[in-house]
Structure formats: C-alpha cells, structure tokens
Amino acid sequence: MEDSKIIELFFERSERAIAELSEKYGKLCMKVSMNILNNLQDAEECVNDSYLGAWNAIPPTRPNPLVSFICRLVRNLSINRYKYNNAEKRKTNYDLCLDELDSCFVSSRLVDDEIDERILTEHLNEFLKSLDKTNRVIFVRRFWYMDSYEEISKICGLKGGAVRVRVTRTKAGLKQYLEERGVIV
C-alpha cells in the first residue's frame, strides 16, 4: 500500500493503518531497533511504541516521507531504551557507531555551546548532499541505521575493507567540512 493511503487511514482513525504500517515498514523498524538495542523483546516493544507514537501524531501531522517518520520514532525510542538499560555492559553496534563519530567532535557539550542543533543539521544535510550516492548510502546506513560493516558491504556490493575505508574518509571529510564552516570539532 502506498504511504499516502496509509496516512489517510490514520486520518480516518482506522486501526488498519497500524497493520498496513507494520506490514510495509515493520521489518525495517525492527532492524533499526535491533541494531541499537541488540535485544529482541526491547526492540519489539520500541517498534510497537513507535506505532502508538505514529497513531498519536497522525493527524495532525502528514509525514513525508512516512518511512523517515516511523524510523525516526523507532530510533529515538530505541536510543532512549538503550540509555535506560545501559550499564557497563558489552558494547553494542550503537556504541561502536557513536565511538567512530567521536573523532569528528571534541565533545557534544562544546558543539552545543557553539551552534544549535538546527544549524548543525543543516551542515550535515549539506555535507551529505555533496557525497556521491554510494558514500552517502554507506554513511547513512552506518550512522543512522547503525548497520554493521558486513551488512553495508552486502547492500553496496563492496568488500568490508572498502566500506571501512570509505567510512573513515567520509568522517575525515565531514570533520574538515565542519571545521571550514566554523564548527568546533
């Protein structure tokens, strides 16, 4: 079913909207949540909570694209659950991805002191637009969806080492890009 029709079901307050949303994006939502939490029960709960969040937000919101909206909901809920659950445990893929990005920023507190979130988001979007499609997909799959290098290499048809090199170069490019725009990194 098309996203616009699913959204219309939400506006009609039809429970079928949740079923159609789950049918279309449920696997993707579970993957995003599992990449962060590495716990099936918590991931399922976060995905279900994201459906409730969509139910409460639509209407009045008309998300476009719907996939980004639902993935953002499940990602934020999963990150919150991760923070709640996390105590000196073995690092998950989420930790590894955040550790990789640490090299781009001295500390998140300094970034917050220098520029607000909206401006940083604009810079990141501009940077992503400057990348070729493959590097953009690799970067987003690694740092938004929290995919492993092995998963990304399968998606992009590249060897794992090539994906790692591209991620390293893209992070260096991001750091330079932000520095050139006066963002403290």
C-alpha atoms as a PDB file:
ATOM      1  CA  MET A   1       0.000   0.000   0.000  1.00  0.00           C
ATOM      2  CA  GLU A   2       1.236   3.492  -0.809  1.00  0.00           C
ATOM      3  CA  ASP A   3       2.313   5.780   2.021  1.00  0.00           C
ATOM      4  CA  SER A   4      -0.362   8.354   1.184  1.00  0.00           C
ATOM      5  CA  LYS A   5      -3.088   5.718   1.590  1.00  0.00           C
ATOM      6  CA  ILE A   6      -1.634   4.588   4.923  1.00  0.00           C
ATOM      7  CA  ILE A   7      -1.644   8.205   6.108  1.00  0.00           C
ATOM      8  CA  GLU A   8      -5.255   8.569   5.009  1.00  0.00           C
ATOM      9  CA  LEU A   9      -6.122   5.514   7.109  1.00  0.00           C
ATOM     10  CA  PHE A  10      -4.567   7.283  10.089  1.00  0.00           C
ATOM     11  CA  PHE A  11      -6.668  10.369   9.370  1.00  0.00           C
ATOM     12  CA  GLU A  12      -9.763   8.143   9.228  1.00  0.00           C
ATOM     13  CA  ARG A  13      -8.637   6.706  12.610  1.00  0.00           C
ATOM     14  CA  SER A  14      -8.793   3.219  11.127  1.00  0.00           C
ATOM     15  CA  GLU A  15      -6.891   0.568  13.083  1.00  0.00           C
ATOM     16  CA  ARG A  16      -5.959  -0.876   9.709  1.00  0.00           C
ATOM     17  CA  ALA A  17      -3.426   1.979   9.445  1.00  0.00           C
ATOM     18  CA  ILE A  18      -1.236   0.337  12.096  1.00  0.00           C
ATOM     19  CA  ALA A  19      -1.491  -3.046  10.360  1.00  0.00           C
ATOM     20  CA  GLU A  20      -0.538  -1.549   6.985  1.00  0.00           C
ATOM     21  CA  LEU A  21       2.309   0.460   8.527  1.00  0.00           C
ATOM     22  CA  SER A  22       3.603  -2.669  10.225  1.00  0.00           C
ATOM     23  CA  GLU A  23       3.277  -4.692   7.039  1.00  0.00           C
ATOM     24  CA  LYS A  24       5.207  -2.159   4.987  1.00  0.00           C
ATOM     25  CA  TYR A  25       7.874  -0.955   7.433  1.00  0.00           C
ATOM     26  CA  GLY A  26       7.851  -3.429  10.331  1.00  0.00           C
ATOM     27  CA  LYS A  27      10.986  -5.320   9.291  1.00  0.00           C
ATOM     28  CA  LEU A  28      12.936  -2.107   8.726  1.00  0.00           C
ATOM     29  CA  CYS A  29      11.816  -0.758  12.108  1.00  0.00           C
ATOM     30  CA  MET A  30      12.871  -3.991  13.835  1.00  0.00           C
ATOM     31  CA  LYS A  31      16.260  -3.851  12.138  1.00  0.00           C
ATOM     32  CA  VAL A  32      16.839  -0.254  13.245  1.00  0.00           C
ATOM     33  CA  SER A  33      15.812  -1.061  16.802  1.00  0.00           C
ATOM     34  CA  MET A  34      17.804  -4.302  16.970  1.00  0.00           C
ATOM     35  CA  ASN A  35      20.934  -2.543  15.689  1.00  0.00           C
ATOM     36  CA  ILE A  36      20.694  -0.187  18.656  1.00  0.00           C
ATOM     37  CA  LEU A  37      19.399  -2.482  21.396  1.00  0.00           C
ATOM     38  CA  ASN A  38      20.558  -5.968  20.432  1.00  0.00           C
ATOM     39  CA  ASN A  39      17.589  -7.305  22.430  1.00  0.00           C
ATOM     40  CA  LEU A  40      14.545  -8.755  20.681  1.00  0.00           C
ATOM     41  CA  GLN A  41      11.990  -8.031  23.415  1.00  0.00           C
ATOM     42  CA  ASP A  42      13.086  -4.421  23.866  1.00  0.00           C
ATOM     43  CA  ALA A  43      13.198  -3.926  20.099  1.00  0.00           C
ATOM     44  CA  GLU A  44       9.673  -5.294  19.666  1.00  0.00           C
ATOM     45  CA  GLU A  45       8.423  -3.011  22.437  1.00  0.00           C
ATOM     46  CA  CYS A  46      10.081   0.041  20.864  1.00  0.00           C
ATOM     47  CA  VAL A  47       8.623  -0.786  17.451  1.00  0.00           C
ATOM     48  CA  ASN A  48       5.151  -1.190  18.947  1.00  0.00           C
ATOM     49  CA  ASP A  49       5.575   2.064  20.860  1.00  0.00           C
ATOM     50  CA  SER A  50       6.564   3.774  17.608  1.00  0.00           C
ATOM     51  CA  TYR A  51       3.260   2.654  16.068  1.00  0.00           C
ATOM     52  CA  LEU A  52       1.453   4.232  19.023  1.00  0.00           C
ATOM     53  CA  GLY A  53       3.548   7.372  18.512  1.00  0.00           C
ATOM     54  CA  ALA A  54       2.521   7.459  14.858  1.00  0.00           C
ATOM     55  CA  TRP A  55      -1.132   6.969  15.855  1.00  0.00           C
ATOM     56  CA  ASN A  56      -0.905   9.915  18.257  1.00  0.00           C
ATOM     57  CA  ALA A  57       0.957  12.171  15.798  1.00  0.00           C
ATOM     58  CA  ILE A  58      -1.088  11.465  12.662  1.00  0.00           C
ATOM     59  CA  PRO A  59      -3.284  13.548  12.450  1.00  0.00           C
ATOM     60  CA  PRO A  60      -2.487  16.434  12.520  1.00  0.00           C
ATOM     61  CA  THR A  61       0.966  15.644  11.106  1.00  0.00           C
ATOM     62  CA  ARG A  62       1.211  14.449   7.496  1.00  0.00           C
ATOM     63  CA  PRO A  63       4.698  12.946   7.441  1.00  0.00           C
ATOM     64  CA  ASN A  64       6.524  12.974   4.139  1.00  0.00           C
ATOM     65  CA  PRO A  65       8.205  10.561   3.712  1.00  0.00           C
ATOM     66  CA  LEU A  66       6.448   8.160   6.058  1.00  0.00           C
ATOM     67  CA  VAL A  67       9.427   5.805   6.223  1.00  0.00           C
ATOM     68  CA  SER A  68      11.682   8.518   7.675  1.00  0.00           C
ATOM     69  CA  PHE A  69       8.996   9.499  10.172  1.00  0.00           C
ATOM     70  CA  ILE A  70       8.462   5.977  11.517  1.00  0.00           C
ATOM     71  CA  CYS A  71      12.195   5.157  11.506  1.00  0.00           C
ATOM     72  CA  ARG A  72      12.913   8.344  13.458  1.00  0.00           C
ATOM     73  CA  LEU A  73      10.259   7.402  16.014  1.00  0.00           C
ATOM     74  CA  VAL A  74      11.595   3.882  16.482  1.00  0.00           C
ATOM     75  CA  ARG A  75      15.208   5.085  16.515  1.00  0.00           C
ATOM     76  CA  ASN A  76      14.534   7.705  19.208  1.00  0.00           C
ATOM     77  CA  LEU A  77      12.566   5.253  21.335  1.00  0.00           C
ATOM     78  CA  SER A  78      15.314   2.654  20.945  1.00  0.00           C
ATOM     79  CA  ILE A  79      18.033   5.127  21.898  1.00  0.00           C
ATOM     80  CA  ASN A  80      16.049   6.123  24.988  1.00  0.00           C
ATOM     81  CA  ARG A  81      15.587   2.470  25.918  1.00  0.00           C
ATOM     82  CA  TYR A  82      19.281   1.831  25.325  1.00  0.00           C
ATOM     83  CA  LYS A  83      20.233   4.691  27.655  1.00  0.00           C
ATOM     84  CA  TYR A  84      17.829   3.360  30.267  1.00  0.00           C
ATOM     85  CA  ASN A  85      19.116  -0.215  30.010  1.00  0.00           C
ATOM     86  CA  ASN A  86      22.794   0.502  29.603  1.00  0.00           C
ATOM     87  CA  ALA A  87      25.112  -0.135  32.480  1.00  0.00           C
ATOM     88  CA  GLU A  88      28.732  -1.198  31.940  1.00  0.00           C
ATOM     89  CA  LYS A  89      27.641  -3.885  29.513  1.00  0.00           C
ATOM     90  CA  ARG A  90      29.280  -5.194  26.389  1.00  0.00           C
ATOM     91  CA  LYS A  91      29.265  -2.596  23.646  1.00  0.00           C
ATOM     92  CA  THR A  92      26.569  -2.868  21.008  1.00  0.00           C
ATOM     93  CA  ASN A  93      26.753  -1.761  17.398  1.00  0.00           C
ATOM     94  CA  TYR A  94      25.208   1.532  18.547  1.00  0.00           C
ATOM     95  CA  ASP A  95      28.174   2.172  20.881  1.00  0.00           C
ATOM     96  CA  LEU A  96      30.643   1.330  18.149  1.00  0.00           C
ATOM     97  CA  CYS A  97      28.985   3.751  15.716  1.00  0.00           C
ATOM     98  CA  LEU A  98      28.991   6.547  18.296  1.00  0.00           C
ATOM     99  CA  ASP A  99      32.637   5.858  19.153  1.00  0.00           C
ATOM    100  CA  GLU A 100      33.501   6.208  15.482  1.00  0.00           C
ATOM    101  CA  LEU A 101      31.795   9.588  15.260  1.00  0.00           C
ATOM    102  CA  ASP A 102      33.559  10.839  18.406  1.00  0.00           C
ATOM    103  CA  SER A 103      36.586  11.638  16.296  1.00  0.00           C
ATOM    104  CA  CYS A 104      34.537  14.299  14.480  1.00  0.00           C
ATOM    105  CA  PHE A 105      33.586  16.193  17.647  1.00  0.00           C
ATOM    106  CA  VAL A 106      35.710  17.043  20.666  1.00  0.00           C
ATOM    107  CA  SER A 107      32.659  16.865  22.889  1.00  0.00           C
ATOM    108  CA  SER A 108      28.964  17.193  22.333  1.00  0.00           C
ATOM    109  CA  ARG A 109      28.880  19.891  25.044  1.00  0.00           C
ATOM    110  CA  LEU A 110      31.235  22.087  23.024  1.00  0.00           C
ATOM    111  CA  VAL A 111      29.144  21.631  19.903  1.00  0.00           C
ATOM    112  CA  ASP A 112      26.027  22.577  21.871  1.00  0.00           C
ATOM    113  CA  ASP A 113      27.802  25.685  23.179  1.00  0.00           C
ATOM    114  CA  GLU A 114      28.859  26.820  19.703  1.00  0.00           C
ATOM    115  CA  ILE A 115      25.860  26.169  17.460  1.00  0.00           C
ATOM    116  CA  ASP A 116      22.345  24.974  17.889  1.00  0.00           C
ATOM    117  CA  GLU A 117      21.029  21.687  16.617  1.00  0.00           C
ATOM    118  CA  ARG A 118      19.217  23.177  13.622  1.00  0.00           C
ATOM    119  CA  ILE A 119      22.381  24.717  12.175  1.00  0.00           C
ATOM    120  CA  LEU A 120      24.370  21.530  12.705  1.00  0.00           C
ATOM    121  CA  THR A 121      21.604  19.569  10.979  1.00  0.00           C
ATOM    122  CA  GLU A 122      21.757  21.953   8.017  1.00  0.00           C
ATOM    123  CA  HIS A 123      25.527  21.468   7.766  1.00  0.00           C
ATOM    124  CA  LEU A 124      25.167  17.680   7.938  1.00  0.00           C
ATOM    125  CA  ASN A 125      22.483  17.706   5.247  1.00  0.00           C
ATOM    126  CA  GLU A 126      24.632  19.907   3.002  1.00  0.00           C
ATOM    127  CA  PHE A 127      27.592  17.590   3.537  1.00  0.00           C
ATOM    128  CA  LEU A 128      25.513  14.507   2.724  1.00  0.00           C
ATOM    129  CA  LYS A 129      24.242  16.148  -0.475  1.00  0.00           C
ATOM    130  CA  SER A 130      27.853  16.730  -1.523  1.00  0.00           C
ATOM    131  CA  LEU A 131      28.650  12.998  -1.356  1.00  0.00           C
ATOM    132  CA  ASP A 132      28.170  10.608  -4.237  1.00  0.00           C
ATOM    133  CA  LYS A 133      25.291   8.168  -3.838  1.00  0.00           C
ATOM    134  CA  THR A 134      27.389   5.197  -2.675  1.00  0.00           C
ATOM    135  CA  ASN A 135      29.251   7.136   0.019  1.00  0.00           C
ATOM    136  CA  ARG A 136      26.004   8.763   1.177  1.00  0.00           C
ATOM    137  CA  VAL A 137      24.298   5.371   1.449  1.00  0.00           C
ATOM    138  CA  ILE A 138      27.266   3.938   3.348  1.00  0.00           C
ATOM    139  CA  PHE A 139      27.363   6.877   5.773  1.00  0.00           C
ATOM    140  CA  VAL A 140      23.609   6.860   6.432  1.00  0.00           C
ATOM    141  CA  ARG A 141      23.480   3.065   6.782  1.00  0.00           C
ATOM    142  CA  ARG A 142      26.331   3.173   9.309  1.00  0.00           C
ATOM    143  CA  PHE A 143      25.364   6.159  11.415  1.00  0.00           C
ATOM    144  CA  TRP A 144      21.570   6.368  11.070  1.00  0.00           C
ATOM    145  CA  TYR A 145      20.520   2.731  10.709  1.00  0.00           C
ATOM    146  CA  MET A 146      23.546   1.520  12.708  1.00  0.00           C
ATOM    147  CA  ASP A 147      24.251  -1.258  10.204  1.00  0.00           C
ATOM    148  CA  SER A 148      27.433  -3.291  10.601  1.00  0.00           C
ATOM    149  CA  TYR A 149      30.193  -3.061   8.023  1.00  0.00           C
ATOM    150  CA  GLU A 150      29.295  -6.545   6.824  1.00  0.00           C
ATOM    151  CA  GLU A 151      25.663  -5.570   6.225  1.00  0.00           C
ATOM    152  CA  ILE A 152      26.689  -2.412   4.390  1.00  0.00           C
ATOM    153  CA  SER A 153      29.134  -4.310   2.203  1.00  0.00           C
ATOM    154  CA  LYS A 154      26.326  -6.673   1.147  1.00  0.00           C
ATOM    155  CA  ILE A 155      23.974  -3.772   0.401  1.00  0.00           C
ATOM    156  CA  CYS A 156      26.555  -1.852  -1.629  1.00  0.00           C
ATOM    157  CA  GLY A 157      28.300  -4.801  -3.237  1.00  0.00           C
ATOM    158  CA  LEU A 158      31.686  -3.783  -1.830  1.00  0.00           C
ATOM    159  CA  LYS A 159      34.234  -5.621   0.274  1.00  0.00           C
ATOM    160  CA  GLY A 160      34.156  -4.962   4.011  1.00  0.00           C
ATOM    161  CA  GLY A 161      37.566  -3.276   3.922  1.00  0.00           C
ATOM    162  CA  ALA A 162      36.425  -0.913   1.177  1.00  0.00           C
ATOM    163  CA  VAL A 163      33.400   0.082   3.248  1.00  0.00           C
ATOM    164  CA  ARG A 164      35.623   0.761   6.281  1.00  0.00           C
ATOM    165  CA  VAL A 165      37.945   2.923   4.197  1.00  0.00           C
ATOM    166  CA  ARG A 166      35.031   4.885   2.761  1.00  0.00           C
ATOM    167  CA  VAL A 167      33.579   5.454   6.237  1.00  0.00           C
ATOM    168  CA  THR A 168      36.962   6.658   7.515  1.00  0.00           C
ATOM    169  CA  ARG A 169      37.426   9.012   4.571  1.00  0.00           C
ATOM    170  CA  THR A 170      33.863  10.312   4.832  1.00  0.00           C
ATOM    171  CA  LYS A 171      34.280  11.021   8.548  1.00  0.00           C
ATOM    172  CA  ALA A 172      37.508  12.894   7.792  1.00  0.00           C
ATOM    173  CA  GLY A 173      35.687  14.805   5.063  1.00  0.00           C
ATOM    174  CA  LEU A 174      32.871  15.649   7.489  1.00  0.00           C
ATOM    175  CA  LYS A 175      35.343  16.885  10.063  1.00  0.00           C
ATOM    176  CA  GLN A 176      37.059  19.117   7.508  1.00  0.00           C
ATOM    177  CA  TYR A 177      33.703  20.321   6.159  1.00  0.00           C
ATOM    178  CA  LEU A 178      32.527  21.322   9.639  1.00  0.00           C
ATOM    179  CA  GLU A 179      35.832  22.998  10.501  1.00  0.00           C
ATOM    180  CA  GLU A 180      35.644  25.078   7.307  1.00  0.00           C
ATOM    181  CA  ARG A 181      32.215  26.295   8.428  1.00  0.00           C
ATOM    182  CA  GLY A 182      33.401  27.293  11.877  1.00  0.00           C
ATOM    183  CA  VAL A 183      32.002  24.337  13.802  1.00  0.00           C
ATOM    184  CA  ILE A 184      34.342  23.316  16.636  1.00  0.00           C
ATOM    185  CA  VAL A 185      35.352  19.714  16.070  1.00  0.00           C
END
